[in-house]
């Protein structure tokens, strides 16, 4: 079963929407993990056997470093955050 943990760069509404669609998902706020470093966030997700969902590109670098070091994780979902202009 897919488990998704959203870091604090992702709005809490994303985890809530995923849960409404039957996906096991929770946010950094839900877990009481606000203010942790990116490395700590990825480590927490790994301990929880969850993919981390983020808007922070630094996670891609960290995940790549982990793989090079032989460390495993459950994956990173990275979505570039774009500003939407309404006219």
PDB file of N, CA and C in Angstrom:
ATOM      1  N   UNK A   1       0.845  -1.185   0.000  1.00  0.00           N
ATOM      2  CA  UNK A   1       0.000   0.000   0.000  1.00  0.00           C
ATOM      3  C   UNK A   1       0.887   1.245   0.000  1.00  0.00           C
ATOM      4  N   UNK A   2       0.517   2.203  -0.821  1.00  0.00           N
ATOM      5  CA  UNK A   2       1.258   3.450  -0.922  1.00  0.00           C
ATOM      6  C   UNK A   2       0.969   4.333   0.284  1.00  0.00           C
ATOM      7  N   UNK A   3       2.042   4.834   0.903  1.00  0.00           N
ATOM      8  CA  UNK A   3       1.934   5.761   2.030  1.00  0.00           C
ATOM      9  C   UNK A   3       2.663   7.030   1.624  1.00  0.00           C
ATOM     10  N   UNK A   4       2.031   8.181   1.813  1.00  0.00           N
ATOM     11  CA  UNK A   4       2.622   9.451   1.401  1.00  0.00           C
ATOM     12  C   UNK A   4       2.684  10.404   2.587  1.00  0.00           C
ATOM     13  N   UNK A   5       3.870  10.920   2.814  1.00  0.00           N
ATOM     14  CA  UNK A   5       4.124  11.917   3.855  1.00  0.00           C
ATOM     15  C   UNK A   5       4.482  13.223   3.157  1.00  0.00           C
ATOM     16  N   UNK A   6       3.726  14.287   3.434  1.00  0.00           N
ATOM     17  CA  UNK A   6       4.016  15.576   2.813  1.00  0.00           C
ATOM     18  C   UNK A   6       4.843  16.430   3.767  1.00  0.00           C
ATOM     19  N   UNK A   7       5.937  16.978   3.252  1.00  0.00           N
ATOM     20  CA  UNK A   7       6.757  17.832   4.100  1.00  0.00           C
ATOM     21  C   UNK A   7       6.084  19.193   4.248  1.00  0.00           C
ATOM     22  N   UNK A   8       6.720  20.075   5.017  1.00  0.00           N
ATOM     23  CA  UNK A   8       6.068  21.343   5.331  1.00  0.00           C
ATOM     24  C   UNK A   8       6.010  22.318   4.163  1.00  0.00           C
ATOM     25  N   UNK A   9       6.665  22.020   3.032  1.00  0.00           N
ATOM     26  CA  UNK A   9       6.560  22.889   1.861  1.00  0.00           C
ATOM     27  C   UNK A   9       5.255  22.659   1.099  1.00  0.00           C
ATOM     28  N   UNK A  10       4.578  21.568   1.411  1.00  0.00           N
ATOM     29  CA  UNK A  10       3.338  21.196   0.720  1.00  0.00           C
ATOM     30  C   UNK A  10       2.149  21.583   1.602  1.00  0.00           C
ATOM     31  N   UNK A  11       1.153  22.254   1.032  1.00  0.00           N
ATOM     32  CA  UNK A  11      -0.022  22.611   1.837  1.00  0.00           C
ATOM     33  C   UNK A  11      -0.673  21.374   2.463  1.00  0.00           C
ATOM     34  N   UNK A  12      -1.129  21.514   3.695  1.00  0.00           N
ATOM     35  CA  UNK A  12      -1.773  20.416   4.426  1.00  0.00           C
ATOM     36  C   UNK A  12      -2.963  19.876   3.637  1.00  0.00           C
ATOM     37  N   UNK A  13      -3.611  20.722   2.857  1.00  0.00           N
ATOM     38  CA  UNK A  13      -4.784  20.306   2.069  1.00  0.00           C
ATOM     39  C   UNK A  13      -4.447  19.177   1.093  1.00  0.00           C
ATOM     40  N   UNK A  14      -3.192  19.068   0.674  1.00  0.00           N
ATOM     41  CA  UNK A  14      -2.799  17.993  -0.245  1.00  0.00           C
ATOM     42  C   UNK A  14      -2.941  16.640   0.448  1.00  0.00           C
ATOM     43  N   UNK A  15      -2.409  16.523   1.656  1.00  0.00           N
ATOM     44  CA  UNK A  15      -2.536  15.264   2.403  1.00  0.00           C
ATOM     45  C   UNK A  15      -4.006  14.969   2.687  1.00  0.00           C
ATOM     46  N   UNK A  16      -4.763  16.001   3.019  1.00  0.00           N
ATOM     47  CA  UNK A  16      -6.191  15.806   3.285  1.00  0.00           C
ATOM     48  C   UNK A  16      -6.911  15.302   2.031  1.00  0.00           C
ATOM     49  N   UNK A  17      -6.592  15.874   0.882  1.00  0.00           N
ATOM     50  CA  UNK A  17      -7.202  15.440  -0.373  1.00  0.00           C
ATOM     51  C   UNK A  17      -6.828  14.013  -0.734  1.00  0.00           C
ATOM     52  N   UNK A  18      -5.586  13.641  -0.501  1.00  0.00           N
ATOM     53  CA  UNK A  18      -5.153  12.269  -0.766  1.00  0.00           C
ATOM     54  C   UNK A  18      -5.912  11.281   0.124  1.00  0.00           C
ATOM     55  N   UNK A  19      -6.081  11.643   1.394  1.00  0.00           N
ATOM     56  CA  UNK A  19      -6.829  10.771   2.314  1.00  0.00           C
ATOM     57  C   UNK A  19      -8.278  10.591   1.843  1.00  0.00           C
ATOM     58  N   UNK A  20      -8.894  11.671   1.359  1.00  0.00           N
ATOM     59  CA  UNK A  20     -10.272  11.579   0.863  1.00  0.00           C
ATOM     60  C   UNK A  20     -10.375  10.624  -0.331  1.00  0.00           C
ATOM     61  N   UNK A  21      -9.246  10.415  -1.009  1.00  0.00           N
ATOM     62  CA  UNK A  21      -9.226   9.518  -2.160  1.00  0.00           C
ATOM     63  C   UNK A  21      -8.733   8.121  -1.789  1.00  0.00           C
ATOM     64  N   UNK A  22      -8.659   7.850  -0.498  1.00  0.00           N
ATOM     65  CA  UNK A  22      -8.322   6.512  -0.034  1.00  0.00           C
ATOM     66  C   UNK A  22      -6.838   6.210   0.082  1.00  0.00           C
ATOM     67  N   UNK A  23      -5.996   7.225  -0.024  1.00  0.00           N
ATOM     68  CA  UNK A  23      -4.550   7.030   0.090  1.00  0.00           C
ATOM     69  C   UNK A  23      -4.124   7.356   1.517  1.00  0.00           C
ATOM     70  N   UNK A  24      -3.293   6.520   2.079  1.00  0.00           N
ATOM     71  CA  UNK A  24      -2.771   6.800   3.416  1.00  0.00           C
ATOM     72  C   UNK A  24      -1.761   7.935   3.297  1.00  0.00           C
ATOM     73  N   UNK A  25      -2.140   9.095   3.794  1.00  0.00           N
ATOM     74  CA  UNK A  25      -1.288  10.278   3.676  1.00  0.00           C
ATOM     75  C   UNK A  25      -1.410  11.130   4.932  1.00  0.00           C
ATOM     76  N   UNK A  26      -0.315  11.789   5.276  1.00  0.00           N
ATOM     77  CA  UNK A  26      -0.303  12.705   6.410  1.00  0.00           C
ATOM     78  C   UNK A  26       0.769  13.751   6.161  1.00  0.00           C
ATOM     79  N   UNK A  27       0.636  14.854   6.865  1.00  0.00           N
ATOM     80  CA  UNK A  27       1.540  15.988   6.678  1.00  0.00           C
ATOM     81  C   UNK A  27       2.533  16.095   7.829  1.00  0.00           C
ATOM     82  N   UNK A  28       3.544  16.918   7.608  1.00  0.00           N
ATOM     83  CA  UNK A  28       4.512  17.198   8.671  1.00  0.00           C
ATOM     84  C   UNK A  28       3.796  17.795   9.876  1.00  0.00           C
ATOM     85  N   UNK A  29       2.793  18.632   9.618  1.00  0.00           N
ATOM     86  CA  UNK A  29       2.013  19.207  10.728  1.00  0.00           C
ATOM     87  C   UNK A  29       1.282  18.110  11.484  1.00  0.00           C
ATOM     88  N   UNK A  30       0.641  17.187  10.754  1.00  0.00           N
ATOM     89  CA  UNK A  30      -0.078  16.080  11.402  1.00  0.00           C
ATOM     90  C   UNK A  30       0.850  15.282  12.314  1.00  0.00           C
ATOM     91  N   UNK A  31       2.089  15.084  11.857  1.00  0.00           N
ATOM     92  CA  UNK A  31       3.056  14.247  12.584  1.00  0.00           C
ATOM     93  C   UNK A  31       3.833  15.024  13.642  1.00  0.00           C
ATOM     94  N   UNK A  32       3.622  16.343  13.722  1.00  0.00           N
ATOM     95  CA  UNK A  32       4.375  17.151  14.680  1.00  0.00           C
ATOM     96  C   UNK A  32       5.841  17.287  14.298  1.00  0.00           C
ATOM     97  N   UNK A  33       6.109  17.317  12.990  1.00  0.00           N
ATOM     98  CA  UNK A  33       7.489  17.333  12.500  1.00  0.00           C
ATOM     99  C   UNK A  33       7.860  18.655  11.814  1.00  0.00           C
ATOM    100  N   UNK A  34       7.171  19.727  12.117  1.00  0.00           N
ATOM    101  CA  UNK A  34       7.509  21.025  11.529  1.00  0.00           C
ATOM    102  C   UNK A  34       8.862  21.500  12.040  1.00  0.00           C
ATOM    103  N   UNK A  35       9.622  22.150  11.166  1.00  0.00           N
ATOM    104  CA  UNK A  35      10.908  22.722  11.561  1.00  0.00           C
ATOM    105  C   UNK A  35      12.086  21.770  11.483  1.00  0.00           C
ATOM    106  N   UNK A  36      11.864  20.538  11.078  1.00  0.00           N
ATOM    107  CA  UNK A  36      12.973  19.585  10.949  1.00  0.00           C
ATOM    108  C   UNK A  36      13.746  19.865   9.672  1.00  0.00           C
ATOM    109  N   UNK A  37      15.011  19.471   9.642  1.00  0.00           N
ATOM    110  CA  UNK A  37      15.818  19.631   8.432  1.00  0.00           C
ATOM    111  C   UNK A  37      15.297  18.696   7.351  1.00  0.00           C
ATOM    112  N   UNK A  38      15.693  18.967   6.095  1.00  0.00           N
ATOM    113  CA  UNK A  38      15.281  18.099   4.988  1.00  0.00           C
ATOM    114  C   UNK A  38      15.747  16.665   5.216  1.00  0.00           C
ATOM    115  N   UNK A  39      16.960  16.510   5.667  1.00  0.00           N
ATOM    116  CA  UNK A  39      17.506  15.172   5.934  1.00  0.00           C
ATOM    117  C   UNK A  39      16.676  14.459   7.006  1.00  0.00           C
ATOM    118  N   UNK A  40      16.305  15.184   8.059  1.00  0.00           N
ATOM    119  CA  UNK A  40      15.483  14.596   9.123  1.00  0.00           C
ATOM    120  C   UNK A  40      14.096  14.224   8.595  1.00  0.00           C
ATOM    121  N   UNK A  41      13.548  15.074   7.710  1.00  0.00           N
ATOM    122  CA  UNK A  41      12.238  14.777   7.132  1.00  0.00           C
ATOM    123  C   UNK A  41      12.291  13.489   6.309  1.00  0.00           C
ATOM    124  N   UNK A  42      13.316  13.365   5.462  1.00  0.00           N
ATOM    125  CA  UNK A  42      13.450  12.159   4.642  1.00  0.00           C
ATOM    126  C   UNK A  42      13.680  10.936   5.521  1.00  0.00           C
ATOM    127  N   UNK A  43      14.460  11.088   6.559  1.00  0.00           N
ATOM    128  CA  UNK A  43      14.704   9.980   7.490  1.00  0.00           C
ATOM    129  C   UNK A  43      13.396   9.549   8.169  1.00  0.00           C
ATOM    130  N   UNK A  44      12.585  10.529   8.588  1.00  0.00           N
ATOM    131  CA  UNK A  44      11.294  10.200   9.203  1.00  0.00           C
ATOM    132  C   UNK A  44      10.414   9.434   8.217  1.00  0.00           C
ATOM    133  N   UNK A  45      10.326   9.921   6.983  1.00  0.00           N
ATOM    134  CA  UNK A  45       9.515   9.242   5.963  1.00  0.00           C
ATOM    135  C   UNK A  45      10.010   7.809   5.773  1.00  0.00           C
ATOM    136  N   UNK A  46      11.318   7.631   5.757  1.00  0.00           N
ATOM    137  CA  UNK A  46      11.905   6.304   5.590  1.00  0.00           C
ATOM    138  C   UNK A  46      11.511   5.392   6.758  1.00  0.00           C
ATOM    139  N   UNK A  47      11.590   5.913   7.965  1.00  0.00           N
ATOM    140  CA  UNK A  47      11.207   5.126   9.142  1.00  0.00           C
ATOM    141  C   UNK A  47       9.743   4.709   9.077  1.00  0.00           C
ATOM    142  N   UNK A  48       8.912   5.558   8.470  1.00  0.00           N
ATOM    143  CA  UNK A  48       7.487   5.294   8.360  1.00  0.00           C
ATOM    144  C   UNK A  48       7.130   4.480   7.107  1.00  0.00           C
ATOM    145  N   UNK A  49       8.162   4.130   6.315  1.00  0.00           N
ATOM    146  CA  UNK A  49       7.973   3.397   5.058  1.00  0.00           C
ATOM    147  C   UNK A  49       7.023   4.156   4.132  1.00  0.00           C
ATOM    148  N   UNK A  50       7.305   5.461   4.011  1.00  0.00           N
ATOM    149  CA  UNK A  50       6.464   6.342   3.213  1.00  0.00           C
ATOM    150  C   UNK A  50       7.283   7.084   2.165  1.00  0.00           C
ATOM    151  N   UNK A  51       6.631   7.363   1.047  1.00  0.00           N
ATOM    152  CA  UNK A  51       7.186   8.245   0.034  1.00  0.00           C
ATOM    153  C   UNK A  51       7.027   9.662   0.567  1.00  0.00           C
ATOM    154  N   UNK A  52       8.015  10.515   0.338  1.00  0.00           N
ATOM    155  CA  UNK A  52       7.872  11.905   0.759  1.00  0.00           C
ATOM    156  C   UNK A  52       7.448  12.740  -0.440  1.00  0.00           C
ATOM    157  N   UNK A  53       6.457  13.596  -0.242  1.00  0.00           N
ATOM    158  CA  UNK A  53       5.947  14.499  -1.275  1.00  0.00           C
ATOM    159  C   UNK A  53       6.427  15.895  -0.895  1.00  0.00           C
ATOM    160  N   UNK A  54       7.074  16.577  -1.838  1.00  0.00           N
ATOM    161  CA  UNK A  54       7.673  17.871  -1.531  1.00  0.00           C
ATOM    162  C   UNK A  54       7.664  18.809  -2.737  1.00  0.00           C
ATOM    163  N   UNK A  55       7.782  20.094  -2.447  1.00  0.00           N
ATOM    164  CA  UNK A  55       8.012  21.115  -3.467  1.00  0.00           C
ATOM    165  C   UNK A  55       9.476  21.577  -3.410  1.00  0.00           C
ATOM    166  N   UNK A  56      10.261  20.999  -2.542  1.00  0.00           N
ATOM    167  CA  UNK A  56      11.647  21.398  -2.289  1.00  0.00           C
ATOM    168  C   UNK A  56      12.615  20.511  -3.079  1.00  0.00           C
ATOM    169  N   UNK A  57      13.265  21.101  -4.087  1.00  0.00           N
ATOM    170  CA  UNK A  57      14.176  20.348  -4.962  1.00  0.00           C
ATOM    171  C   UNK A  57      15.380  19.787  -4.212  1.00  0.00           C
ATOM    172  N   UNK A  58      15.694  20.307  -3.041  1.00  0.00           N
ATOM    173  CA  UNK A  58      16.827  19.798  -2.268  1.00  0.00           C
ATOM    174  C   UNK A  58      16.662  18.313  -1.932  1.00  0.00           C
ATOM    175  N   UNK A  59      15.420  17.852  -1.828  1.00  0.00           N
ATOM    176  CA  UNK A  59      15.186  16.437  -1.516  1.00  0.00           C
ATOM    177  C   UNK A  59      15.706  15.521  -2.615  1.00  0.00           C
ATOM    178  N   UNK A  60      15.695  16.006  -3.849  1.00  0.00           N
ATOM    179  CA  UNK A  60      16.217  15.194  -4.946  1.00  0.00           C
ATOM    180  C   UNK A  60      17.713  14.968  -4.773  1.00  0.00           C
ATOM    181  N   UNK A  61      18.426  15.997  -4.349  1.00  0.00           N
ATOM    182  CA  UNK A  61      19.871  15.883  -4.102  1.00  0.00           C
ATOM    183  C   UNK A  61      20.145  14.945  -2.929  1.00  0.00           C
ATOM    184  N   UNK A  62      19.383  15.114  -1.867  1.00  0.00           N
ATOM    185  CA  UNK A  62      19.583  14.278  -0.679  1.00  0.00           C
ATOM    186  C   UNK A  62      19.303  12.812  -1.006  1.00  0.00           C
ATOM    187  N   UNK A  63      18.198  12.561  -1.715  1.00  0.00           N
ATOM    188  CA  UNK A  63      17.849  11.184  -2.080  1.00  0.00           C
ATOM    189  C   UNK A  63      18.938  10.570  -2.952  1.00  0.00           C
ATOM    190  N   UNK A  64      19.477  11.349  -3.876  1.00  0.00           N
ATOM    191  CA  UNK A  64      20.559  10.859  -4.738  1.00  0.00           C
ATOM    192  C   UNK A  64      21.800  10.534  -3.905  1.00  0.00           C
ATOM    193  N   UNK A  65      22.134  11.395  -2.951  1.00  0.00           N
ATOM    194  CA  UNK A  65      23.284  11.140  -2.072  1.00  0.00           C
ATOM    195  C   UNK A  65      23.073   9.858  -1.278  1.00  0.00           C
ATOM    196  N   UNK A  66      21.861   9.667  -0.777  1.00  0.00           N
ATOM    197  CA  UNK A  66      21.565   8.459  -0.009  1.00  0.00           C
ATOM    198  C   UNK A  66      21.811   7.217  -0.852  1.00  0.00           C
ATOM    199  N   UNK A  67      21.359   7.240  -2.091  1.00  0.00           N
ATOM    200  CA  UNK A  67      21.537   6.083  -2.969  1.00  0.00           C
ATOM    201  C   UNK A  67      23.020   5.824  -3.200  1.00  0.00           C
ATOM    202  N   UNK A  68      23.788   6.893  -3.437  1.00  0.00           N
ATOM    203  CA  UNK A  68      25.231   6.742  -3.633  1.00  0.00           C
ATOM    204  C   UNK A  68      25.906   6.151  -2.395  1.00  0.00           C
ATOM    205  N   UNK A  69      25.365   6.452  -1.219  1.00  0.00           N
ATOM    206  CA  UNK A  69      25.923   5.945   0.041  1.00  0.00           C
ATOM    207  C   UNK A  69      25.385   4.556   0.390  1.00  0.00           C
ATOM    208  N   UNK A  70      24.493   4.029  -0.448  1.00  0.00           N
ATOM    209  CA  UNK A  70      23.908   2.725  -0.170  1.00  0.00           C
ATOM    210  C   UNK A  70      22.755   2.762   0.811  1.00  0.00           C
ATOM    211  N   UNK A  71      22.246   3.958   1.101  1.00  0.00           N
ATOM    212  CA  UNK A  71      21.099   4.107   2.003  1.00  0.00           C
ATOM    213  C   UNK A  71      19.820   4.034   1.180  1.00  0.00           C
ATOM    214  N   UNK A  72      18.822   3.398   1.738  1.00  0.00           N
ATOM    215  CA  UNK A  72      17.559   3.249   1.030  1.00  0.00           C
ATOM    216  C   UNK A  72      16.515   4.220   1.570  1.00  0.00           C
ATOM    217  N   UNK A  73      15.570   4.551   0.726  1.00  0.00           N
ATOM    218  CA  UNK A  73      14.407   5.335   1.124  1.00  0.00           C
ATOM    219  C   UNK A  73      13.234   4.840   0.292  1.00  0.00           C
ATOM    220  N   UNK A  74      12.051   5.329   0.571  1.00  0.00           N
ATOM    221  CA  UNK A  74      10.835   4.833  -0.078  1.00  0.00           C
ATOM    222  C   UNK A  74      10.440   5.674  -1.285  1.00  0.00           C
ATOM    223  N   UNK A  75      11.208   6.699  -1.583  1.00  0.00           N
ATOM    224  CA  UNK A  75      10.961   7.501  -2.766  1.00  0.00           C
ATOM    225  C   UNK A  75      10.627   8.946  -2.460  1.00  0.00           C
ATOM    226  N   UNK A  76      10.761   9.770  -3.493  1.00  0.00           N
ATOM    227  CA  UNK A  76      10.476  11.201  -3.394  1.00  0.00           C
ATOM    228  C   UNK A  76       9.544  11.574  -4.539  1.00  0.00           C
ATOM    229  N   UNK A  77       8.440  12.201  -4.195  1.00  0.00           N
ATOM    230  CA  UNK A  77       7.574  12.810  -5.202  1.00  0.00           C
ATOM    231  C   UNK A  77       7.871  14.299  -5.137  1.00  0.00           C
ATOM    232  N   UNK A  78       8.427  14.812  -6.227  1.00  0.00           N
ATOM    233  CA  UNK A  78       8.760  16.236  -6.287  1.00  0.00           C
ATOM    234  C   UNK A  78       7.850  16.905  -7.309  1.00  0.00           C
ATOM    235  N   UNK A  79       7.169  17.941  -6.883  1.00  0.00           N
ATOM    236  CA  UNK A  79       6.330  18.726  -7.788  1.00  0.00           C
ATOM    237  C   UNK A  79       6.791  20.171  -7.698  1.00  0.00           C
ATOM    238  N   UNK A  80       7.233  20.710  -8.826  1.00  0.00           N
ATOM    239  CA  UNK A  80       7.690  22.098  -8.854  1.00  0.00           C
ATOM    240  C   UNK A  80       6.513  23.002  -8.511  1.00  0.00           C
ATOM    241  N   UNK A  81       6.747  23.911  -7.616  1.00  0.00           N
ATOM    242  CA  UNK A  81       5.678  24.817  -7.189  1.00  0.00           C
ATOM    243  C   UNK A  81       5.728  26.055  -8.079  1.00  0.00           C
ATOM    244  N   UNK A  82       4.679  26.285  -8.821  1.00  0.00           N
ATOM    245  CA  UNK A  82       4.616  27.444  -9.717  1.00  0.00           C
ATOM    246  C   UNK A  82       3.628  28.451  -9.167  1.00  0.00           C
ATOM    247  N   UNK A  83       3.932  29.691  -9.405  1.00  0.00           N
ATOM    248  CA  UNK A  83       2.996  30.747  -9.022  1.00  0.00           C
ATOM    249  C   UNK A  83       1.968  30.886 -10.139  1.00  0.00           C
ATOM    250  N   UNK A  84       0.730  30.913  -9.738  1.00  0.00           N
ATOM    251  CA  UNK A  84      -0.365  31.042 -10.700  1.00  0.00           C
ATOM    252  C   UNK A  84      -0.873  32.472 -10.655  1.00  0.00           C
ATOM    253  N   UNK A  85      -0.930  33.085 -11.795  1.00  0.00           N
ATOM    254  CA  UNK A  85      -1.427  34.454 -11.871  1.00  0.00           C
ATOM    255  C   UNK A  85      -2.867  34.428 -12.365  1.00  0.00           C
ATOM    256  N   UNK A  86      -3.714  35.098 -11.638  1.00  0.00           N
ATOM    257  CA  UNK A  86      -5.115  35.233 -12.035  1.00  0.00           C
ATOM    258  C   UNK A  86      -5.303  36.601 -12.661  1.00  0.00           C
ATOM    259  N   UNK A  87      -5.994  36.620 -13.787  1.00  0.00           N
ATOM    260  CA  UNK A  87      -6.225  37.903 -14.463  1.00  0.00           C
ATOM    261  C   UNK A  87      -7.673  38.253 -14.442  1.00  0.00           C
TER     262      UNK A  87
END
